[in-house]
Protein backbone atom coordinates (compact mmCIF):
# COMPACT_ATOMS: atom_id res chain seq x y z
CA UNK A 1 12.34 43.04 12.01
CA UNK A 2 14.31 40.16 13.37
CA UNK A 3 17.18 41.15 15.76
CA UNK A 4 20.63 40.55 14.39
CA UNK A 5 23.02 38.34 16.31
CA UNK A 6 25.68 39.78 18.66
CA UNK A 7 29.13 38.49 18.14
CA UNK A 8 31.13 38.26 21.01
CA UNK A 9 34.75 38.80 20.74
CA UNK A 10 37.74 40.30 22.46
CA UNK A 11 39.12 43.64 21.24
CA UNK A 12 42.16 41.91 19.48
CA UNK A 13 39.34 39.57 17.79
CA UNK A 14 37.62 42.45 16.38
CA UNK A 15 41.19 44.40 15.33
CA UNK A 16 42.00 40.78 13.34
CA UNK A 17 38.54 41.07 11.79
CA UNK A 18 38.88 44.67 10.95
CA UNK A 19 42.20 43.90 9.14
CA UNK A 20 40.97 40.74 6.99
CA UNK A 21 37.99 43.14 5.99
CA UNK A 22 40.75 45.65 4.67
CA UNK A 23 42.45 43.14 3.00
CA UNK A 24 39.38 41.59 1.20
CA UNK A 25 38.24 44.98 0.26
CA UNK A 26 41.55 46.45 -0.98
CA UNK A 27 43.73 43.56 -2.14
CA UNK A 28 41.35 40.24 -2.70
CA UNK A 29 38.80 41.95 -4.49
CA UNK A 30 41.01 43.70 -6.76
CA UNK A 31 43.16 40.22 -7.37
CA UNK A 32 39.68 38.55 -8.21
CA UNK A 33 38.78 41.38 -10.82
CA UNK A 34 42.03 40.99 -12.54
CA UNK A 35 41.41 37.18 -12.81
CA UNK A 36 38.27 37.88 -14.30
CA UNK A 37 39.51 40.17 -16.63
CA UNK A 38 42.35 37.69 -17.79
CA UNK A 39 39.95 34.81 -17.93
CA UNK A 40 37.32 36.88 -20.41
CA UNK A 41 40.65 37.30 -22.69
CA UNK A 42 40.50 33.35 -23.15
CA UNK A 43 37.28 33.28 -25.51
CA UNK A 44 34.05 31.72 -25.28
CA UNK A 45 32.51 32.32 -21.57
CA UNK A 46 30.27 29.23 -21.73
CA UNK A 47 33.24 26.66 -21.63
CA UNK A 48 35.74 28.91 -19.84
CA UNK A 49 36.55 27.12 -16.46
CA UNK A 50 38.95 30.00 -15.68
CA UNK A 51 36.15 32.44 -15.77
CA UNK A 52 33.59 30.29 -14.04
CA UNK A 53 36.33 29.44 -11.25
CA UNK A 54 37.02 33.34 -10.99
CA UNK A 55 33.51 34.18 -10.57
CA UNK A 56 32.84 31.48 -7.78
CA UNK A 57 35.89 33.34 -6.18
CA UNK A 58 34.36 36.69 -6.76
CA UNK A 59 30.74 35.32 -5.15
CA UNK A 60 32.93 34.14 -2.10
CA UNK A 61 34.73 37.19 -1.40
CA UNK A 62 31.87 39.37 -1.85
CA UNK A 63 29.92 36.92 0.75
CA UNK A 64 32.83 37.04 3.21
CA UNK A 65 32.99 40.73 3.12
CA UNK A 66 29.51 40.98 3.96
CA UNK A 67 29.84 38.47 6.82
CA UNK A 68 32.92 40.21 8.27
CA UNK A 69 31.00 43.38 8.12
CA UNK A 70 28.11 41.91 9.89
CA UNK A 71 30.14 40.50 12.74
CA UNK A 72 32.00 43.97 13.37
CA UNK A 73 28.83 45.93 13.27
CA UNK A 74 27.33 43.49 15.66
CA UNK A 75 30.50 42.93 18.01
CA UNK A 76 30.28 42.85 21.61
CA UNK A 77 33.96 43.57 23.13
CA UNK A 78 34.49 41.13 25.74
CA UNK A 79 35.79 43.17 29.18
CA UNK A 80 37.43 41.17 31.70
CA UNK A 81 35.38 40.62 34.79
CA UNK A 82 37.63 41.69 37.83
CA UNK A 83 34.91 41.51 40.47
CA UNK A 84 34.93 37.87 40.54
CA UNK A 85 38.47 36.49 39.16
CA UNK A 86 38.06 32.82 40.17
CA UNK A 87 34.85 32.60 38.24
CA UNK A 88 34.67 31.22 34.39
CA UNK A 89 33.50 33.95 32.29
CA UNK A 90 33.84 34.63 28.63
CA UNK A 91 37.36 36.15 27.85
CA UNK A 92 39.00 34.24 30.39
CA UNK A 93 41.38 31.39 30.50
CA UNK A 94 40.32 28.30 32.36
CA UNK A 95 42.51 25.33 33.49
CA UNK A 96 41.15 21.93 34.35
CA UNK A 97 41.74 18.41 34.88
CA UNK A 98 40.05 15.41 33.55
CA UNK A 99 39.02 13.25 36.52
CA UNK A 100 39.93 10.60 37.29
CA UNK A 101 43.05 10.45 34.94
CA UNK A 102 44.47 13.79 35.42
CA UNK A 103 44.88 15.08 31.94
CA UNK A 104 45.23 18.74 32.26
CA UNK A 105 44.12 21.41 29.47
CA UNK A 106 43.71 25.11 29.08
CA UNK A 107 41.36 27.33 26.97
CA UNK A 108 40.54 30.67 26.58
CA UNK A 109 36.51 31.08 26.36
CA UNK A 110 35.67 33.20 23.40
CA UNK A 111 33.06 34.04 21.12
CA UNK A 112 32.17 32.05 18.25
CA UNK A 113 33.44 34.51 15.96
CA UNK A 114 37.08 33.99 17.31
CA UNK A 115 36.77 30.56 18.17
CA UNK A 116 39.89 28.22 17.29
CA UNK A 117 40.77 24.93 19.21
CA UNK A 118 44.09 24.48 17.55
CA UNK A 119 44.91 27.95 19.44
CA UNK A 120 43.04 26.95 22.63
CA UNK A 121 40.35 29.31 22.15
CA UNK A 122 36.81 27.81 22.32
CA UNK A 123 33.57 28.99 21.71
CA UNK A 124 31.01 30.30 24.28
CA UNK A 125 28.50 28.00 22.64
CA UNK A 126 30.67 24.89 22.96
CA UNK A 127 29.25 22.28 25.34
CA UNK A 128 32.61 22.55 27.33
CA UNK A 129 32.61 26.29 27.58
CA UNK A 130 28.58 26.07 28.32
CA UNK A 131 29.50 23.77 31.31
CA UNK A 132 32.40 25.84 32.52
CA UNK A 133 30.73 29.20 32.36
CA UNK A 134 29.96 30.60 35.82
CA UNK A 135 31.71 28.04 37.98
CA UNK A 136 34.53 28.86 40.53
CA UNK A 137 37.75 27.81 40.63
CA UNK A 138 38.05 24.30 42.53
CA UNK A 139 34.66 23.06 41.28
CA UNK A 140 33.92 19.65 39.97
CA UNK A 141 32.10 20.21 36.80
CA UNK A 142 30.17 17.48 34.50
CA UNK A 143 30.66 18.28 30.78
CA UNK A 144 28.41 16.62 28.21
CA UNK A 145 30.34 15.78 25.04
CA UNK A 146 29.46 13.83 21.92
CA UNK A 147 31.44 11.05 23.26
CA UNK A 148 29.89 11.02 26.65
CA UNK A 149 30.03 12.90 29.75
CA UNK A 150 33.27 13.64 31.38
CA UNK A 151 33.82 14.92 34.83
CA UNK A 152 36.48 17.74 35.26
CA UNK A 153 38.17 19.95 37.77
CA UNK A 154 38.78 23.59 37.31
CA UNK A 155 42.34 24.14 38.62
CA UNK A 156 42.77 27.93 37.62
CA UNK A 157 40.87 30.84 36.27
CA UNK A 158 42.98 33.55 34.50
């Protein structure tokens, strides 16, 4: 039997998934059922685009419910590493400067389930995070990106 993938996340991220699951099961599922009922009233199901769209949405909602349940079931909560405060690990924020031009960026390294670059959260599976994890504040690190290698200096780890 294949082992299931672990999903690394913060407690906040797990709670967010639990809230999404509750919404999908209680509200969204019921909305889709109502749409299907309404679409059935339009007549011939073989040429009923509203019915087809509602059934597609139902399949999407059920798929997302299964996905979120799996993520919650296999969640591994990220604990803060207080023993090594200057080492980049999962769950910490890291501020670094691109060398030589000095553009400063700050990201929090989270599990793939929580990643959202627009909110400053990058996945531990990303090339950037993989290069930074395990390095200390003050280190210079070469990061391989799709656009080529870049050199960064870790300014601060929180």
